[in-house]
């Protein structure tokens, strides 16, 4: 009942299921997932049900991906669908912006710059969060330290044409915002391919610091 209610955005049923969970009588936990790896929070993120997502988080649902090999992080899901309010809510709840989806190894930043309904405020917030994590000694989820030297395009194929916007700026250390997915593409690649000059400029500005 919880998963289906979250999927369709039925806040009343979701709250009833949360109450059952808190009373110890629910059949599934708040972070349980369905056969495709989607938790109630992930479904609410995907479909843009802000108040359902808020109720789940307030009740203690984790903002991370469910314990399933196909599970996608709710933050990634929200950003791919342009659900900016839900994405902001998840970030406020300490969702990890560097957590990867399992199919291609892409992060929330890849999703944010690729979405046709992108929010530059969220792109910047994600970039700053990942950069701050690196500067505090964290490692990017691709396994490399944030300060390792690397080519800025980082991919296996030819650099996207819009990388020409950054002529002469390729001599900087890699940061997690330039961590690659399974195809060898960084968020910078994704921004270039999406044709978003603002995202390209923002990523270059933060990556060159």
Protein backbone atom coordinates (compact mmCIF):
# COMPACT_ATOMS: atom_id res chain seq x y z
CA UNK A 1 0.00 0.00 0.00
CA UNK A 2 2.79 2.46 0.80
CA UNK A 3 4.60 2.03 -2.51
CA UNK A 4 1.48 2.30 -4.64
CA UNK A 5 0.21 5.30 -2.64
CA UNK A 6 3.53 7.11 -3.00
CA UNK A 7 3.58 6.35 -6.72
CA UNK A 8 0.17 7.93 -7.31
CA UNK A 9 0.72 10.75 -4.79
CA UNK A 10 -1.94 9.73 -2.28
CA UNK A 11 -0.74 11.66 0.77
CA UNK A 12 -3.53 10.43 3.05
CA UNK A 13 -2.72 6.75 2.49
CA UNK A 14 0.99 7.44 2.77
CA UNK A 15 0.45 9.11 6.15
CA UNK A 16 -1.72 6.19 7.28
CA UNK A 17 1.02 3.74 6.30
CA UNK A 18 3.62 5.83 8.09
CA UNK A 19 1.48 5.76 11.22
CA UNK A 20 1.25 1.96 10.95
CA UNK A 21 5.00 1.76 10.50
CA UNK A 22 5.61 3.89 13.56
CA UNK A 23 3.20 1.72 15.52
CA UNK A 24 5.04 -1.39 14.39
CA UNK A 25 2.17 -2.76 12.34
CA UNK A 26 3.19 -2.01 8.76
CA UNK A 27 3.97 -4.89 6.43
CA UNK A 28 6.88 -3.06 4.77
CA UNK A 29 9.39 -0.50 6.00
CA UNK A 30 9.63 3.05 4.74
CA UNK A 31 12.70 2.18 2.67
CA UNK A 32 11.35 -1.05 1.15
CA UNK A 33 11.42 -1.21 -2.65
CA UNK A 34 9.44 -2.91 -5.39
CA UNK A 35 10.68 -5.37 -8.02
CA UNK A 36 12.38 -2.63 -10.06
CA UNK A 37 14.21 -1.22 -7.05
CA UNK A 38 12.10 1.87 -6.51
CA UNK A 39 11.33 2.91 -2.93
CA UNK A 40 8.32 4.99 -1.93
CA UNK A 41 10.58 8.03 -1.79
CA UNK A 42 11.99 7.31 -5.25
CA UNK A 43 8.48 7.02 -6.69
CA UNK A 44 7.42 10.29 -5.10
CA UNK A 45 10.57 11.92 -6.48
CA UNK A 46 10.00 10.53 -9.96
CA UNK A 47 6.39 11.69 -10.12
CA UNK A 48 6.94 15.03 -8.38
CA UNK A 49 4.82 14.39 -5.30
CA UNK A 50 6.47 16.93 -3.04
CA UNK A 51 4.28 16.56 0.05
CA UNK A 52 4.51 12.76 -0.10
CA UNK A 53 8.29 13.01 -0.26
CA UNK A 54 8.26 15.45 2.65
CA UNK A 55 6.09 13.13 4.76
CA UNK A 56 8.37 10.17 4.06
CA UNK A 57 11.53 12.10 4.92
CA UNK A 58 9.96 13.54 8.09
CA UNK A 59 9.09 9.99 9.12
CA UNK A 60 12.69 8.85 8.70
CA UNK A 61 12.91 7.51 5.15
CA UNK A 62 16.48 7.55 3.87
CA UNK A 63 17.24 9.86 0.91
CA UNK A 64 19.64 7.27 -0.50
CA UNK A 65 18.91 4.55 -3.05
CA UNK A 66 17.11 1.45 -1.81
CA UNK A 67 19.02 -1.75 -1.09
CA UNK A 68 18.45 -3.25 -4.55
CA UNK A 69 20.85 -3.73 -7.49
CA UNK A 70 18.62 -1.70 -9.82
CA UNK A 71 17.73 1.05 -7.35
CA UNK A 72 18.18 4.65 -8.47
CA UNK A 73 18.88 7.40 -5.94
CA UNK A 74 15.77 9.55 -5.37
CA UNK A 75 17.81 12.71 -6.01
CA UNK A 76 18.97 11.41 -9.40
CA UNK A 77 15.41 10.39 -10.26
CA UNK A 78 14.01 13.80 -9.32
CA UNK A 79 16.58 15.65 -11.42
CA UNK A 80 16.09 13.51 -14.53
CA UNK A 81 12.39 14.40 -14.41
CA UNK A 82 12.92 18.10 -13.67
CA UNK A 83 11.32 17.79 -10.21
CA UNK A 84 13.22 20.74 -8.78
CA UNK A 85 11.23 21.20 -5.58
CA UNK A 86 11.62 17.54 -4.68
CA UNK A 87 15.34 17.67 -5.51
CA UNK A 88 15.76 20.70 -3.25
CA UNK A 89 13.90 18.91 -0.48
CA UNK A 90 16.17 15.87 -0.85
CA UNK A 91 19.31 18.01 -0.73
CA UNK A 92 17.98 19.72 2.40
CA UNK A 93 17.59 16.21 3.85
CA UNK A 94 21.28 15.50 3.18
CA UNK A 95 20.90 13.38 0.05
CA UNK A 96 24.35 12.52 -1.30
CA UNK A 97 24.86 14.36 -4.64
CA UNK A 98 27.68 12.00 -5.63
CA UNK A 99 25.61 8.81 -5.27
CA UNK A 100 25.45 6.97 -8.62
CA UNK A 101 22.64 5.25 -10.47
CA UNK A 102 23.47 1.61 -11.31
CA UNK A 103 23.01 1.42 -15.08
CA UNK A 104 25.57 3.95 -16.33
CA UNK A 105 27.14 5.15 -13.10
CA UNK A 106 25.84 8.69 -13.46
CA UNK A 107 25.51 11.09 -10.55
CA UNK A 108 22.90 13.71 -9.73
CA UNK A 109 25.13 16.30 -11.39
CA UNK A 110 25.05 14.37 -14.68
CA UNK A 111 21.26 14.35 -14.44
CA UNK A 112 21.00 18.03 -13.52
CA UNK A 113 23.01 19.30 -16.48
CA UNK A 114 21.40 16.88 -18.95
CA UNK A 115 17.78 17.60 -18.12
CA UNK A 116 15.86 19.76 -20.58
CA UNK A 117 14.13 21.27 -17.55
CA UNK A 118 17.41 22.02 -15.78
CA UNK A 119 17.70 24.44 -12.88
CA UNK A 120 20.95 26.37 -12.83
CA UNK A 121 20.49 27.02 -9.11
CA UNK A 122 20.48 23.26 -8.50
CA UNK A 123 23.41 22.68 -10.87
CA UNK A 124 25.42 25.19 -8.86
CA UNK A 125 24.30 23.79 -5.52
CA UNK A 126 25.28 20.26 -6.56
CA UNK A 127 28.64 21.42 -7.89
CA UNK A 128 29.41 23.32 -4.70
CA UNK A 129 28.36 20.37 -2.53
CA UNK A 130 30.56 17.93 -4.44
CA UNK A 131 33.50 20.33 -4.50
CA UNK A 132 33.14 20.96 -0.74
CA UNK A 133 33.09 17.21 -0.12
CA UNK A 134 36.31 16.86 -2.10
CA UNK A 135 38.09 19.70 -0.30
CA UNK A 136 37.21 18.17 3.06
CA UNK A 137 39.06 15.00 2.16
CA UNK A 138 36.30 12.91 0.59
CA UNK A 139 36.77 10.78 -2.48
CA UNK A 140 34.56 10.83 -5.53
CA UNK A 141 32.32 7.82 -6.01
CA UNK A 142 34.27 6.76 -9.07
CA UNK A 143 37.11 5.90 -6.71
CA UNK A 144 39.55 8.70 -7.48
CA UNK A 145 40.75 11.34 -5.08
CA UNK A 146 39.51 14.79 -5.85
CA UNK A 147 42.99 16.20 -6.36
CA UNK A 148 44.34 13.64 -8.84
CA UNK A 149 45.48 15.16 -12.11
CA UNK A 150 43.31 14.27 -15.10
CA UNK A 151 42.30 15.55 -18.50
CA UNK A 152 39.24 17.76 -18.06
CA UNK A 153 37.16 15.97 -20.67
CA UNK A 154 37.93 12.66 -18.98
CA UNK A 155 36.02 10.53 -21.53
CA UNK A 156 36.97 7.81 -23.95
CA UNK A 157 35.58 9.52 -27.05
CA UNK A 158 36.16 12.86 -28.74
CA UNK A 159 35.44 15.97 -26.66
CA UNK A 160 32.01 17.47 -27.43
CA UNK A 161 32.20 20.51 -29.74
CA UNK A 162 31.13 23.02 -27.09
CA UNK A 163 34.26 22.26 -25.08
CA UNK A 164 35.82 24.82 -27.44
CA UNK A 165 34.20 27.43 -25.18
CA UNK A 166 36.96 26.67 -22.70
CA UNK A 167 39.95 27.15 -25.01
CA UNK A 168 43.14 27.35 -23.00
CA UNK A 169 41.60 26.35 -19.67
CA UNK A 170 42.43 22.66 -19.61
CA UNK A 171 45.28 22.75 -17.10
CA UNK A 172 43.44 22.11 -13.84
CA UNK A 173 43.21 19.24 -11.36
CA UNK A 174 40.24 16.90 -11.52
CA UNK A 175 37.44 17.31 -9.03
CA UNK A 176 34.45 15.06 -8.29
CA UNK A 177 32.35 17.27 -10.58
CA UNK A 178 34.51 15.80 -13.34
CA UNK A 179 34.21 12.19 -12.18
CA UNK A 180 33.26 9.91 -15.07
CA UNK A 181 30.34 7.57 -15.55
CA UNK A 182 30.62 4.04 -16.98
CA UNK A 183 30.96 5.49 -20.51
CA UNK A 184 33.85 7.72 -19.47
CA UNK A 185 31.73 10.87 -19.59
CA UNK A 186 31.89 13.64 -17.02
CA UNK A 187 29.15 16.08 -16.07
CA UNK A 188 31.05 18.54 -18.27
CA UNK A 189 30.58 16.20 -21.24
CA UNK A 190 26.89 15.95 -20.40
CA UNK A 191 26.52 19.73 -20.23
CA UNK A 192 28.29 20.15 -23.56
CA UNK A 193 26.14 17.55 -25.25
CA UNK A 194 23.00 19.16 -23.85
CA UNK A 195 24.16 22.46 -25.34
CA UNK A 196 23.91 24.34 -22.05
CA UNK A 197 26.55 27.08 -22.07
CA UNK A 198 25.66 28.18 -18.54
CA UNK A 199 26.32 24.71 -17.14
CA UNK A 200 29.59 24.41 -19.06
CA UNK A 201 30.81 27.78 -17.77
CA UNK A 202 29.77 26.97 -14.20
CA UNK A 203 31.49 23.56 -14.17
CA UNK A 204 34.67 25.01 -15.63
CA UNK A 205 34.68 27.84 -13.10
CA UNK A 206 34.41 25.51 -10.13
CA UNK A 207 36.70 22.83 -11.53
CA UNK A 208 39.50 25.31 -12.11
CA UNK A 209 39.58 26.46 -8.48
